[in-house]
């Protein structure tokens, strides 16, 4: 029995994220440790400022996606309930796939940014 491609895609995204995120964190922490606390270079100022902004954007995108998908799921459950018990039981049987789709969409913005940062930072020198 083969698994749906969405599952493999979500699994691949999570695996890539689990590799990319520690690389980005290690690079940035090393960069912070090597920089002067009173005289940051323009490059470090740009990197540290961008770091904060990108985390806020990724968090907001993930939560927005999660809220929208949960709203769709609740609406679908409501209409199933309105159609009757048989429709509701069919909807509940699809719940695991729906939750998987929601988690995949929520991870996507974080995954995309972490992988981009990992590639970008791996090409730069610390000093």
PDB file of N, CA and C in Angstrom:
ATOM      1  N   UNK A   1       0.843  -1.168   0.000  1.00  0.00           N
ATOM      2  CA  UNK A   1       0.000   0.000   0.000  1.00  0.00           C
ATOM      3  C   UNK A   1       0.894   1.238   0.000  1.00  0.00           C
ATOM      4  N   UNK A   2       0.738   2.101  -0.988  1.00  0.00           N
ATOM      5  CA  UNK A   2       1.568   3.293  -1.063  1.00  0.00           C
ATOM      6  C   UNK A   2       0.904   4.435  -0.302  1.00  0.00           C
ATOM      7  N   UNK A   3       1.729   5.272   0.256  1.00  0.00           N
ATOM      8  CA  UNK A   3       1.221   6.423   1.004  1.00  0.00           C
ATOM      9  C   UNK A   3       0.989   7.577   0.049  1.00  0.00           C
ATOM     10  N   UNK A   4       0.079   8.480   0.391  1.00  0.00           N
ATOM     11  CA  UNK A   4      -0.171   9.631  -0.471  1.00  0.00           C
ATOM     12  C   UNK A   4       1.069  10.506  -0.594  1.00  0.00           C
ATOM     13  N   UNK A   5       1.218  11.174  -1.716  1.00  0.00           N
ATOM     14  CA  UNK A   5       2.384  12.016  -1.944  1.00  0.00           C
ATOM     15  C   UNK A   5       2.449  13.175  -0.950  1.00  0.00           C
ATOM     16  N   UNK A   6       1.313  13.625  -0.464  1.00  0.00           N
ATOM     17  CA  UNK A   6       1.292  14.716   0.505  1.00  0.00           C
ATOM     18  C   UNK A   6       2.025  14.308   1.777  1.00  0.00           C
ATOM     19  N   UNK A   7       1.844  13.060   2.205  1.00  0.00           N
ATOM     20  CA  UNK A   7       2.522  12.579   3.405  1.00  0.00           C
ATOM     21  C   UNK A   7       4.023  12.585   3.197  1.00  0.00           C
ATOM     22  N   UNK A   8       4.457  12.077   2.051  1.00  0.00           N
ATOM     23  CA  UNK A   8       5.890  12.070   1.764  1.00  0.00           C
ATOM     24  C   UNK A   8       6.416  13.500   1.689  1.00  0.00           C
ATOM     25  N   UNK A   9       5.639  14.389   1.115  1.00  0.00           N
ATOM     26  CA  UNK A   9       6.057  15.777   0.998  1.00  0.00           C
ATOM     27  C   UNK A   9       6.191  16.415   2.382  1.00  0.00           C
ATOM     28  N   UNK A  10       5.224  16.181   3.250  1.00  0.00           N
ATOM     29  CA  UNK A  10       5.281  16.727   4.602  1.00  0.00           C
ATOM     30  C   UNK A  10       6.457  16.129   5.365  1.00  0.00           C
ATOM     31  N   UNK A  11       6.644  14.835   5.227  1.00  0.00           N
ATOM     32  CA  UNK A  11       7.774  14.179   5.888  1.00  0.00           C
ATOM     33  C   UNK A  11       9.106  14.718   5.398  1.00  0.00           C
ATOM     34  N   UNK A  12       9.211  14.923   4.089  1.00  0.00           N
ATOM     35  CA  UNK A  12      10.439  15.465   3.509  1.00  0.00           C
ATOM     36  C   UNK A  12      10.667  16.889   4.017  1.00  0.00           C
ATOM     37  N   UNK A  13       9.599  17.685   4.059  1.00  0.00           N
ATOM     38  CA  UNK A  13       9.736  19.056   4.557  1.00  0.00           C
ATOM     39  C   UNK A  13      10.218  19.073   6.000  1.00  0.00           C
ATOM     40  N   UNK A  14       9.644  18.216   6.820  1.00  0.00           N
ATOM     41  CA  UNK A  14      10.051  18.171   8.228  1.00  0.00           C
ATOM     42  C   UNK A  14      11.488  17.700   8.372  1.00  0.00           C
ATOM     43  N   UNK A  15      11.905  16.745   7.543  1.00  0.00           N
ATOM     44  CA  UNK A  15      13.291  16.271   7.591  1.00  0.00           C
ATOM     45  C   UNK A  15      14.251  17.382   7.167  1.00  0.00           C
ATOM     46  N   UNK A  16      13.931  18.079   6.080  1.00  0.00           N
ATOM     47  CA  UNK A  16      14.774  19.184   5.631  1.00  0.00           C
ATOM     48  C   UNK A  16      14.814  20.294   6.674  1.00  0.00           C
ATOM     49  N   UNK A  17      13.679  20.564   7.291  1.00  0.00           N
ATOM     50  CA  UNK A  17      13.615  21.586   8.334  1.00  0.00           C
ATOM     51  C   UNK A  17      14.470  21.199   9.536  1.00  0.00           C
ATOM     52  N   UNK A  18      14.466  19.916   9.878  1.00  0.00           N
ATOM     53  CA  UNK A  18      15.253  19.459  11.035  1.00  0.00           C
ATOM     54  C   UNK A  18      16.755  19.550  10.771  1.00  0.00           C
ATOM     55  N   UNK A  19      17.162  19.614   9.513  1.00  0.00           N
ATOM     56  CA  UNK A  19      18.577  19.789   9.180  1.00  0.00           C
ATOM     57  C   UNK A  19      18.897  21.272   9.012  1.00  0.00           C
ATOM     58  N   UNK A  20      18.035  21.998   8.315  1.00  0.00           N
ATOM     59  CA  UNK A  20      18.311  23.397   7.991  1.00  0.00           C
ATOM     60  C   UNK A  20      18.279  24.306   9.224  1.00  0.00           C
ATOM     61  N   UNK A  21      17.301  24.118  10.089  1.00  0.00           N
ATOM     62  CA  UNK A  21      17.152  25.014  11.250  1.00  0.00           C
ATOM     63  C   UNK A  21      18.391  25.010  12.158  1.00  0.00           C
ATOM     64  N   UNK A  22      18.927  23.850  12.546  1.00  0.00           N
ATOM     65  CA  UNK A  22      20.133  23.888  13.386  1.00  0.00           C
ATOM     66  C   UNK A  22      21.341  24.524  12.687  1.00  0.00           C
ATOM     67  N   UNK A  23      21.433  24.349  11.358  1.00  0.00           N
ATOM     68  CA  UNK A  23      22.536  24.980  10.631  1.00  0.00           C
ATOM     69  C   UNK A  23      22.426  26.497  10.688  1.00  0.00           C
ATOM     70  N   UNK A  24      21.237  27.006  10.475  1.00  0.00           N
ATOM     71  CA  UNK A  24      21.016  28.452  10.520  1.00  0.00           C
ATOM     72  C   UNK A  24      21.277  28.974  11.928  1.00  0.00           C
ATOM     73  N   UNK A  25      20.781  28.279  12.925  1.00  0.00           N
ATOM     74  CA  UNK A  25      20.981  28.705  14.317  1.00  0.00           C
ATOM     75  C   UNK A  25      22.464  28.717  14.669  1.00  0.00           C
ATOM     76  N   UNK A  26      23.178  27.659  14.297  1.00  0.00           N
ATOM     77  CA  UNK A  26      24.614  27.588  14.592  1.00  0.00           C
ATOM     78  C   UNK A  26      25.371  28.730  13.925  1.00  0.00           C
ATOM     79  N   UNK A  27      25.043  28.998  12.674  1.00  0.00           N
ATOM     80  CA  UNK A  27      25.718  30.087  11.960  1.00  0.00           C
ATOM     81  C   UNK A  27      25.441  31.429  12.637  1.00  0.00           C
ATOM     82  N   UNK A  28      24.205  31.671  12.969  1.00  0.00           N
ATOM     83  CA  UNK A  28      23.845  32.965  13.556  1.00  0.00           C
ATOM     84  C   UNK A  28      24.389  33.137  14.976  1.00  0.00           C
ATOM     85  N   UNK A  29      24.373  32.090  15.768  1.00  0.00           N
ATOM     86  CA  UNK A  29      24.910  32.189  17.130  1.00  0.00           C
ATOM     87  C   UNK A  29      26.416  32.430  17.077  1.00  0.00           C
ATOM     88  N   UNK A  30      27.099  31.736  16.168  1.00  0.00           N
ATOM     89  CA  UNK A  30      28.534  31.956  15.997  1.00  0.00           C
ATOM     90  C   UNK A  30      28.796  33.394  15.567  1.00  0.00           C
ATOM     91  N   UNK A  31      27.990  33.881  14.659  1.00  0.00           N
ATOM     92  CA  UNK A  31      28.132  35.254  14.183  1.00  0.00           C
ATOM     93  C   UNK A  31      27.909  36.253  15.314  1.00  0.00           C
ATOM     94  N   UNK A  32      26.921  35.976  16.174  1.00  0.00           N
ATOM     95  CA  UNK A  32      26.667  36.856  17.317  1.00  0.00           C
ATOM     96  C   UNK A  32      27.839  36.831  18.289  1.00  0.00           C
ATOM     97  N   UNK A  33      28.389  35.641  18.505  1.00  0.00           N
ATOM     98  CA  UNK A  33      29.499  35.503  19.445  1.00  0.00           C
ATOM     99  C   UNK A  33      30.753  36.224  18.941  1.00  0.00           C
ATOM    100  N   UNK A  34      30.946  36.229  17.632  1.00  0.00           N
ATOM    101  CA  UNK A  34      32.138  36.859  17.064  1.00  0.00           C
ATOM    102  C   UNK A  34      31.991  38.370  16.877  1.00  0.00           C
ATOM    103  N   UNK A  35      30.769  38.862  16.901  1.00  0.00           N
ATOM    104  CA  UNK A  35      30.570  40.293  16.671  1.00  0.00           C
ATOM    105  C   UNK A  35      30.775  41.077  17.960  1.00  0.00           C
ATOM    106  N   UNK A  36      31.082  42.341  17.792  1.00  0.00           N
ATOM    107  CA  UNK A  36      31.267  43.221  18.934  1.00  0.00           C
ATOM    108  C   UNK A  36      29.892  43.658  19.443  1.00  0.00           C
ATOM    109  N   UNK A  37      29.685  43.633  20.753  1.00  0.00           N
ATOM    110  CA  UNK A  37      28.364  44.027  21.266  1.00  0.00           C
ATOM    111  C   UNK A  37      28.071  45.516  21.089  1.00  0.00           C
ATOM    112  N   UNK A  38      29.099  46.331  20.965  1.00  0.00           N
ATOM    113  CA  UNK A  38      28.874  47.772  20.846  1.00  0.00           C
ATOM    114  C   UNK A  38      28.993  48.287  19.421  1.00  0.00           C
ATOM    115  N   UNK A  39      29.749  47.612  18.577  1.00  0.00           N
ATOM    116  CA  UNK A  39      29.971  48.082  17.204  1.00  0.00           C
ATOM    117  C   UNK A  39      29.674  46.965  16.216  1.00  0.00           C
ATOM    118  N   UNK A  40      28.399  46.786  15.926  1.00  0.00           N
ATOM    119  CA  UNK A  40      28.015  45.775  14.938  1.00  0.00           C
ATOM    120  C   UNK A  40      28.307  46.279  13.530  1.00  0.00           C
ATOM    121  N   UNK A  41      28.788  45.396  12.680  1.00  0.00           N
ATOM    122  CA  UNK A  41      28.991  45.779  11.283  1.00  0.00           C
ATOM    123  C   UNK A  41      27.624  45.946  10.625  1.00  0.00           C
ATOM    124  N   UNK A  42      27.601  46.632   9.504  1.00  0.00           N
ATOM    125  CA  UNK A  42      26.341  46.818   8.761  1.00  0.00           C
ATOM    126  C   UNK A  42      25.764  45.464   8.355  1.00  0.00           C
ATOM    127  N   UNK A  43      26.644  44.553   7.977  1.00  0.00           N
ATOM    128  CA  UNK A  43      26.214  43.206   7.567  1.00  0.00           C
ATOM    129  C   UNK A  43      25.540  42.480   8.727  1.00  0.00           C
ATOM    130  N   UNK A  44      26.141  42.559   9.927  1.00  0.00           N
ATOM    131  CA  UNK A  44      25.551  41.910  11.099  1.00  0.00           C
ATOM    132  C   UNK A  44      24.244  42.581  11.510  1.00  0.00           C
ATOM    133  N   UNK A  45      24.196  43.914  11.440  1.00  0.00           N
ATOM    134  CA  UNK A  45      22.952  44.608  11.768  1.00  0.00           C
ATOM    135  C   UNK A  45      21.827  44.159  10.847  1.00  0.00           C
ATOM    136  N   UNK A  46      22.133  44.069   9.564  1.00  0.00           N
ATOM    137  CA  UNK A  46      21.130  43.644   8.585  1.00  0.00           C
ATOM    138  C   UNK A  46      20.689  42.207   8.858  1.00  0.00           C
ATOM    139  N   UNK A  47      21.640  41.326   9.139  1.00  0.00           N
ATOM    140  CA  UNK A  47      21.331  39.915   9.398  1.00  0.00           C
ATOM    141  C   UNK A  47      20.482  39.756  10.657  1.00  0.00           C
ATOM    142  N   UNK A  48      20.859  40.424  11.746  1.00  0.00           N
ATOM    143  CA  UNK A  48      20.143  40.271  13.010  1.00  0.00           C
ATOM    144  C   UNK A  48      18.746  40.890  12.945  1.00  0.00           C
ATOM    145  N   UNK A  49      18.620  42.028  12.267  1.00  0.00           N
ATOM    146  CA  UNK A  49      17.310  42.648  12.101  1.00  0.00           C
ATOM    147  C   UNK A  49      16.407  41.778  11.238  1.00  0.00           C
ATOM    148  N   UNK A  50      16.968  41.264  10.144  1.00  0.00           N
ATOM    149  CA  UNK A  50      16.201  40.380   9.256  1.00  0.00           C
ATOM    150  C   UNK A  50      15.785  39.094   9.945  1.00  0.00           C
ATOM    151  N   UNK A  51      16.639  38.620  10.836  1.00  0.00           N
ATOM    152  CA  UNK A  51      16.357  37.392  11.562  1.00  0.00           C
ATOM    153  C   UNK A  51      15.081  37.537  12.391  1.00  0.00           C
ATOM    154  N   UNK A  52      14.938  38.633  13.082  1.00  0.00           N
ATOM    155  CA  UNK A  52      13.760  38.863  13.912  1.00  0.00           C
ATOM    156  C   UNK A  52      12.513  39.000  13.040  1.00  0.00           C
ATOM    157  N   UNK A  53      12.626  39.780  11.980  1.00  0.00           N
ATOM    158  CA  UNK A  53      11.474  40.010  11.110  1.00  0.00           C
ATOM    159  C   UNK A  53      11.004  38.721  10.436  1.00  0.00           C
ATOM    160  N   UNK A  54      11.943  37.917   9.971  1.00  0.00           N
ATOM    161  CA  UNK A  54      11.534  36.685   9.271  1.00  0.00           C
ATOM    162  C   UNK A  54      10.856  35.692  10.204  1.00  0.00           C
ATOM    163  N   UNK A  55      11.271  35.665  11.457  1.00  0.00           N
ATOM    164  CA  UNK A  55      10.614  34.777  12.421  1.00  0.00           C
ATOM    165  C   UNK A  55       9.179  35.225  12.670  1.00  0.00           C
ATOM    166  N   UNK A  56       8.987  36.516  12.783  1.00  0.00           N
ATOM    167  CA  UNK A  56       7.638  37.036  13.002  1.00  0.00           C
ATOM    168  C   UNK A  56       6.740  36.759  11.794  1.00  0.00           C
ATOM    169  N   UNK A  57       7.264  36.934  10.611  1.00  0.00           N
ATOM    170  CA  UNK A  57       6.479  36.699   9.391  1.00  0.00           C
ATOM    171  C   UNK A  57       6.136  35.221   9.250  1.00  0.00           C
ATOM    172  N   UNK A  58       7.109  34.339   9.447  1.00  0.00           N
ATOM    173  CA  UNK A  58       6.858  32.901   9.323  1.00  0.00           C
ATOM    174  C   UNK A  58       5.837  32.434  10.356  1.00  0.00           C
ATOM    175  N   UNK A  59       5.948  32.947  11.577  1.00  0.00           N
ATOM    176  CA  UNK A  59       4.999  32.589  12.622  1.00  0.00           C
ATOM    177  C   UNK A  59       3.592  33.039  12.246  1.00  0.00           C
ATOM    178  N   UNK A  60       3.474  34.273  11.763  1.00  0.00           N
ATOM    179  CA  UNK A  60       2.159  34.800  11.383  1.00  0.00           C
ATOM    180  C   UNK A  60       1.567  34.018  10.210  1.00  0.00           C
ATOM    181  N   UNK A  61       2.389  33.695   9.213  1.00  0.00           N
ATOM    182  CA  UNK A  61       1.902  32.927   8.064  1.00  0.00           C
ATOM    183  C   UNK A  61       1.421  31.544   8.491  1.00  0.00           C
ATOM    184  N   UNK A  62       2.176  30.911   9.342  1.00  0.00           N
ATOM    185  CA  UNK A  62       1.797  29.571   9.797  1.00  0.00           C
ATOM    186  C   UNK A  62       0.487  29.600  10.573  1.00  0.00           C
ATOM    187  N   UNK A  63       0.362  30.547  11.482  1.00  0.00           N
ATOM    188  CA  UNK A  63      -0.867  30.623  12.263  1.00  0.00           C
ATOM    189  C   UNK A  63      -2.061  31.032  11.414  1.00  0.00           C
ATOM    190  N   UNK A  64      -1.857  31.920  10.458  1.00  0.00           N
ATOM    191  CA  UNK A  64      -2.948  32.321   9.575  1.00  0.00           C
ATOM    192  C   UNK A  64      -3.427  31.107   8.781  1.00  0.00           C
ATOM    193  N   UNK A  65      -2.493  30.349   8.228  1.00  0.00           N
ATOM    194  CA  UNK A  65      -2.852  29.151   7.466  1.00  0.00           C
ATOM    195  C   UNK A  65      -3.579  28.154   8.355  1.00  0.00           C
ATOM    196  N   UNK A  66      -3.065  27.936   9.540  1.00  0.00           N
ATOM    197  CA  UNK A  66      -3.684  27.008  10.473  1.00  0.00           C
ATOM    198  C   UNK A  66      -5.112  27.440  10.805  1.00  0.00           C
ATOM    199  N   UNK A  67      -5.310  28.714  11.095  1.00  0.00           N
ATOM    200  CA  UNK A  67      -6.651  29.211  11.431  1.00  0.00           C
ATOM    201  C   UNK A  67      -7.610  29.080  10.262  1.00  0.00           C
ATOM    202  N   UNK A  68      -7.158  29.406   9.071  1.00  0.00           N
ATOM    203  CA  UNK A  68      -8.024  29.300   7.890  1.00  0.00           C
ATOM    204  C   UNK A  68      -8.425  27.850   7.625  1.00  0.00           C
ATOM    205  N   UNK A  69      -7.486  26.946   7.725  1.00  0.00           N
ATOM    206  CA  UNK A  69      -7.778  25.531   7.484  1.00  0.00           C
ATOM    207  C   UNK A  69      -8.694  24.956   8.561  1.00  0.00           C
ATOM    208  N   UNK A  70      -8.476  25.356   9.803  1.00  0.00           N
ATOM    209  CA  UNK A  70      -9.350  24.888  10.876  1.00  0.00           C
ATOM    210  C   UNK A  70     -10.766  25.427  10.681  1.00  0.00           C
ATOM    211  N   UNK A  71     -10.879  26.667  10.214  1.00  0.00           N
ATOM    212  CA  UNK A  71     -12.194  27.236   9.918  1.00  0.00           C
ATOM    213  C   UNK A  71     -12.904  26.453   8.819  1.00  0.00           C
ATOM    214  N   UNK A  72     -12.159  26.090   7.782  1.00  0.00           N
ATOM    215  CA  UNK A  72     -12.746  25.278   6.702  1.00  0.00           C
ATOM    216  C   UNK A  72     -13.225  23.933   7.240  1.00  0.00           C
ATOM    217  N   UNK A  73     -12.413  23.330   8.110  1.00  0.00           N
ATOM    218  CA  UNK A  73     -12.774  22.036   8.673  1.00  0.00           C
ATOM    219  C   UNK A  73     -14.032  22.159   9.537  1.00  0.00           C
ATOM    220  N   UNK A  74     -14.114  23.190  10.350  1.00  0.00           N
ATOM    221  CA  UNK A  74     -15.294  23.384  11.190  1.00  0.00           C
ATOM    222  C   UNK A  74     -16.545  23.621  10.349  1.00  0.00           C
ATOM    223  N   UNK A  75     -16.387  24.389   9.286  1.00  0.00           N
ATOM    224  CA  UNK A  75     -17.507  24.643   8.388  1.00  0.00           C
ATOM    225  C   UNK A  75     -17.977  23.343   7.731  1.00  0.00           C
ATOM    226  N   UNK A  76     -17.036  22.531   7.314  1.00  0.00           N
ATOM    227  CA  UNK A  76     -17.362  21.255   6.694  1.00  0.00           C
ATOM    228  C   UNK A  76     -18.084  20.331   7.681  1.00  0.00           C
ATOM    229  N   UNK A  77     -17.609  20.304   8.916  1.00  0.00           N
ATOM    230  CA  UNK A  77     -18.269  19.490   9.938  1.00  0.00           C
ATOM    231  C   UNK A  77     -19.684  19.995  10.214  1.00  0.00           C
ATOM    232  N   UNK A  78     -19.851  21.309  10.245  1.00  0.00           N
ATOM    233  CA  UNK A  78     -21.176  21.879  10.478  1.00  0.00           C
ATOM    234  C   UNK A  78     -22.137  21.459   9.382  1.00  0.00           C
ATOM    235  N   UNK A  79     -21.724  21.588   8.116  1.00  0.00           N
ATOM    236  CA  UNK A  79     -22.622  21.230   7.017  1.00  0.00           C
ATOM    237  C   UNK A  79     -22.895  19.732   6.991  1.00  0.00           C
ATOM    238  N   UNK A  80     -21.930  18.926   7.387  1.00  0.00           N
ATOM    239  CA  UNK A  80     -22.173  17.485   7.490  1.00  0.00           C
ATOM    240  C   UNK A  80     -23.209  17.200   8.569  1.00  0.00           C
ATOM    241  N   UNK A  81     -23.091  17.908   9.665  1.00  0.00           N
ATOM    242  CA  UNK A  81     -24.045  17.740  10.763  1.00  0.00           C
ATOM    243  C   UNK A  81     -25.445  18.140  10.304  1.00  0.00           C
ATOM    244  N   UNK A  82     -25.529  19.198   9.510  1.00  0.00           N
ATOM    245  CA  UNK A  82     -26.824  19.650   9.018  1.00  0.00           C
ATOM    246  C   UNK A  82     -27.455  18.638   8.047  1.00  0.00           C
ATOM    247  N   UNK A  83     -26.629  17.909   7.304  1.00  0.00           N
ATOM    248  CA  UNK A  83     -27.156  16.934   6.347  1.00  0.00           C
ATOM    249  C   UNK A  83     -27.606  15.647   7.031  1.00  0.00           C
ATOM    250  N   UNK A  84     -27.077  15.368   8.200  1.00  0.00           N
ATOM    251  CA  UNK A  84     -27.532  14.185   8.917  1.00  0.00           C
ATOM    252  C   UNK A  84     -26.393  13.343   9.457  1.00  0.00           C
ATOM    253  N   UNK A  85     -26.720  12.319  10.262  1.00  0.00           N
ATOM    254  CA  UNK A  85     -25.700  11.508  10.929  1.00  0.00           C
ATOM    255  C   UNK A  85     -24.789  10.754   9.960  1.00  0.00           C
ATOM    256  N   UNK A  86     -25.312  10.297   8.850  1.00  0.00           N
ATOM    257  CA  UNK A  86     -24.481   9.524   7.918  1.00  0.00           C
ATOM    258  C   UNK A  86     -23.411  10.424   7.282  1.00  0.00           C
ATOM    259  N   UNK A  87     -23.783  11.640   6.938  1.00  0.00           N
ATOM    260  CA  UNK A  87     -22.814  12.566   6.358  1.00  0.00           C
ATOM    261  C   UNK A  87     -21.751  12.942   7.385  1.00  0.00           C
ATOM    262  N   UNK A  88     -22.161  13.097   8.640  1.00  0.00           N
ATOM    263  CA  UNK A  88     -21.216  13.447   9.697  1.00  0.00           C
ATOM    264  C   UNK A  88     -20.213  12.321   9.929  1.00  0.00           C
ATOM    265  N   UNK A  89     -20.662  11.081   9.908  1.00  0.00           N
ATOM    266  CA  UNK A  89     -19.732   9.967  10.123  1.00  0.00           C
ATOM    267  C   UNK A  89     -18.722   9.891   8.982  1.00  0.00           C
ATOM    268  N   UNK A  90     -19.149  10.200   7.753  1.00  0.00           N
ATOM    269  CA  UNK A  90     -18.215  10.238   6.631  1.00  0.00           C
ATOM    270  C   UNK A  90     -17.186  11.330   6.791  1.00  0.00           C
ATOM    271  N   UNK A  91     -17.625  12.471   7.290  1.00  0.00           N
ATOM    272  CA  UNK A  91     -16.718  13.590   7.504  1.00  0.00           C
ATOM    273  C   UNK A  91     -15.704  13.266   8.600  1.00  0.00           C
ATOM    274  N   UNK A  92     -16.153  12.633   9.655  1.00  0.00           N
ATOM    275  CA  UNK A  92     -15.249  12.283  10.751  1.00  0.00           C
ATOM    276  C   UNK A  92     -14.207  11.254  10.317  1.00  0.00           C
ATOM    277  N   UNK A  93     -14.578  10.378   9.385  1.00  0.00           N
ATOM    278  CA  UNK A  93     -13.608   9.389   8.914  1.00  0.00           C
ATOM    279  C   UNK A  93     -12.499  10.048   8.092  1.00  0.00           C
ATOM    280  N   UNK A  94     -12.764  11.229   7.535  1.00  0.00           N
ATOM    281  CA  UNK A  94     -11.734  11.934   6.762  1.00  0.00           C
ATOM    282  C   UNK A  94     -10.902  12.880   7.626  1.00  0.00           C
ATOM    283  N   UNK A  95     -11.179  12.927   8.903  1.00  0.00           N
ATOM    284  CA  UNK A  95     -10.503  13.866   9.801  1.00  0.00           C
ATOM    285  C   UNK A  95      -8.974  13.706   9.820  1.00  0.00           C
ATOM    286  N   UNK A  96      -8.404  12.490   9.896  1.00  0.00           N
ATOM    287  CA  UNK A  96      -6.943  12.390   9.912  1.00  0.00           C
ATOM    288  C   UNK A  96      -6.288  13.005   8.669  1.00  0.00           C
ATOM    289  N   UNK A  97      -6.876  12.808   7.501  1.00  0.00           N
ATOM    290  CA  UNK A  97      -6.321  13.384   6.278  1.00  0.00           C
ATOM    291  C   UNK A  97      -6.419  14.903   6.312  1.00  0.00           C
ATOM    292  N   UNK A  98      -7.514  15.408   6.854  1.00  0.00           N
ATOM    293  CA  UNK A  98      -7.696  16.856   6.953  1.00  0.00           C
ATOM    294  C   UNK A  98      -6.656  17.452   7.891  1.00  0.00           C
ATOM    295  N   UNK A  99      -6.430  16.829   9.026  1.00  0.00           N
ATOM    296  CA  UNK A  99      -5.436  17.330   9.976  1.00  0.00           C
ATOM    297  C   UNK A  99      -4.029  17.261   9.384  1.00  0.00           C
ATOM    298  N   UNK A 100      -3.758  16.235   8.611  1.00  0.00           N
ATOM    299  CA  UNK A 100      -2.462  16.119   7.944  1.00  0.00           C
ATOM    300  C   UNK A 100      -2.269  17.257   6.939  1.00  0.00           C
ATOM    301  N   UNK A 101      -3.309  17.581   6.193  1.00  0.00           N
ATOM    302  CA  UNK A 101      -3.251  18.676   5.220  1.00  0.00           C
ATOM    303  C   UNK A 101      -3.006  20.002   5.935  1.00  0.00           C
ATOM    304  N   UNK A 102      -3.676  20.189   7.065  1.00  0.00           N
ATOM    305  CA  UNK A 102      -3.493  21.416   7.836  1.00  0.00           C
ATOM    306  C   UNK A 102      -2.056  21.535   8.328  1.00  0.00           C
ATOM    307  N   UNK A 103      -1.499  20.463   8.852  1.00  0.00           N
ATOM    308  CA  UNK A 103      -0.124  20.531   9.354  1.00  0.00           C
ATOM    309  C   UNK A 103       0.856  20.768   8.216  1.00  0.00           C
ATOM    310  N   UNK A 104       0.606  20.165   7.047  1.00  0.00           N
ATOM    311  CA  UNK A 104       1.499  20.368   5.908  1.00  0.00           C
ATOM    312  C   UNK A 104       1.503  21.828   5.469  1.00  0.00           C
ATOM    313  N   UNK A 105       0.343  22.447   5.421  1.00  0.00           N
ATOM    314  CA  UNK A 105       0.263  23.848   5.007  1.00  0.00           C
ATOM    315  C   UNK A 105       0.874  24.769   6.056  1.00  0.00           C
ATOM    316  N   UNK A 106       0.800  24.400   7.324  1.00  0.00           N
ATOM    317  CA  UNK A 106       1.357  25.239   8.384  1.00  0.00           C
ATOM    318  C   UNK A 106       2.871  25.201   8.404  1.00  0.00           C
ATOM    319  N   UNK A 107       3.449  24.073   8.036  1.00  0.00           N
ATOM    320  CA  UNK A 107       4.901  23.906   8.055  1.00  0.00           C
ATOM    321  C   UNK A 107       5.554  24.577   6.846  1.00  0.00           C
ATOM    322  N   UNK A 108       4.839  24.691   5.745  1.00  0.00           N
ATOM    323  CA  UNK A 108       5.420  25.168   4.485  1.00  0.00           C
ATOM    324  C   UNK A 108       6.157  26.508   4.588  1.00  0.00           C
ATOM    325  N   UNK A 109       5.572  27.571   5.180  1.00  0.00           N
ATOM    326  CA  UNK A 109       6.314  28.842   5.226  1.00  0.00           C
ATOM    327  C   UNK A 109       7.590  28.764   6.054  1.00  0.00           C
ATOM    328  N   UNK A 110       7.538  28.040   7.148  1.00  0.00           N
ATOM    329  CA  UNK A 110       8.715  27.910   8.009  1.00  0.00           C
ATOM    330  C   UNK A 110       9.794  27.116   7.282  1.00  0.00           C
ATOM    331  N   UNK A 111       9.394  26.016   6.648  1.00  0.00           N
ATOM    332  CA  UNK A 111      10.323  25.177   5.897  1.00  0.00           C
ATOM    333  C   UNK A 111      11.005  25.989   4.800  1.00  0.00           C
ATOM    334  N   UNK A 112      10.225  26.705   4.024  1.00  0.00           N
ATOM    335  CA  UNK A 112      10.752  27.473   2.891  1.00  0.00           C
ATOM    336  C   UNK A 112      11.817  28.467   3.356  1.00  0.00           C
ATOM    337  N   UNK A 113      11.525  29.218   4.407  1.00  0.00           N
ATOM    338  CA  UNK A 113      12.458  30.240   4.885  1.00  0.00           C
ATOM    339  C   UNK A 113      13.704  29.613   5.501  1.00  0.00           C
ATOM    340  N   UNK A 114      13.548  28.547   6.265  1.00  0.00           N
ATOM    341  CA  UNK A 114      14.706  27.909   6.905  1.00  0.00           C
ATOM    342  C   UNK A 114      15.658  27.326   5.867  1.00  0.00           C
ATOM    343  N   UNK A 115      15.122  26.682   4.844  1.00  0.00           N
ATOM    344  CA  UNK A 115      15.973  26.099   3.803  1.00  0.00           C
ATOM    345  C   UNK A 115      16.674  27.208   3.010  1.00  0.00           C
ATOM    346  N   UNK A 116      15.952  28.283   2.701  1.00  0.00           N
ATOM    347  CA  UNK A 116      16.573  29.416   2.003  1.00  0.00           C
ATOM    348  C   UNK A 116      17.713  30.004   2.827  1.00  0.00           C
ATOM    349  N   UNK A 117      17.482  30.205   4.113  1.00  0.00           N
ATOM    350  CA  UNK A 117      18.518  30.761   4.986  1.00  0.00           C
ATOM    351  C   UNK A 117      19.711  29.835   5.095  1.00  0.00           C
ATOM    352  N   UNK A 118      19.454  28.558   5.205  1.00  0.00           N
ATOM    353  CA  UNK A 118      20.549  27.602   5.312  1.00  0.00           C
ATOM    354  C   UNK A 118      21.438  27.658   4.073  1.00  0.00           C
ATOM    355  N   UNK A 119      20.835  27.701   2.908  1.00  0.00           N
ATOM    356  CA  UNK A 119      21.621  27.792   1.660  1.00  0.00           C
ATOM    357  C   UNK A 119      22.369  29.112   1.587  1.00  0.00           C
ATOM    358  N   UNK A 120      21.688  30.207   1.931  1.00  0.00           N
ATOM    359  CA  UNK A 120      22.309  31.528   1.862  1.00  0.00           C
ATOM    360  C   UNK A 120      23.466  31.651   2.840  1.00  0.00           C
ATOM    361  N   UNK A 121      23.249  31.222   4.074  1.00  0.00           N
ATOM    362  CA  UNK A 121      24.286  31.361   5.091  1.00  0.00           C
ATOM    363  C   UNK A 121      25.464  30.410   4.887  1.00  0.00           C
ATOM    364  N   UNK A 122      25.211  29.282   4.243  1.00  0.00           N
ATOM    365  CA  UNK A 122      26.322  28.356   3.988  1.00  0.00           C
ATOM    366  C   UNK A 122      27.302  28.934   2.963  1.00  0.00           C
ATOM    367  N   UNK A 123      26.848  29.918   2.173  1.00  0.00           N
ATOM    368  CA  UNK A 123      27.737  30.544   1.181  1.00  0.00           C
ATOM    369  C   UNK A 123      28.491  31.737   1.743  1.00  0.00           C
ATOM    370  N   UNK A 124      28.154  32.191   2.943  1.00  0.00           N
ATOM    371  CA  UNK A 124      28.812  33.376   3.504  1.00  0.00           C
ATOM    372  C   UNK A 124      29.882  32.975   4.496  1.00  0.00           C
ATOM    373  N   UNK A 125      30.833  33.870   4.672  1.00  0.00           N
ATOM    374  CA  UNK A 125      31.902  33.666   5.653  1.00  0.00           C
ATOM    375  C   UNK A 125      31.511  34.367   6.938  1.00  0.00           C
ATOM    376  N   UNK A 126      31.974  33.837   8.051  1.00  0.00           N
ATOM    377  CA  UNK A 126      31.614  34.425   9.345  1.00  0.00           C
ATOM    378  C   UNK A 126      32.322  35.740   9.605  1.00  0.00           C
ATOM    379  N   UNK A 127      33.509  35.892   9.146  1.00  0.00           N
ATOM    380  CA  UNK A 127      34.249  37.140   9.431  1.00  0.00           C
ATOM    381  C   UNK A 127      34.337  38.010   8.230  1.00  0.00           C
TER     382      UNK A 127
END
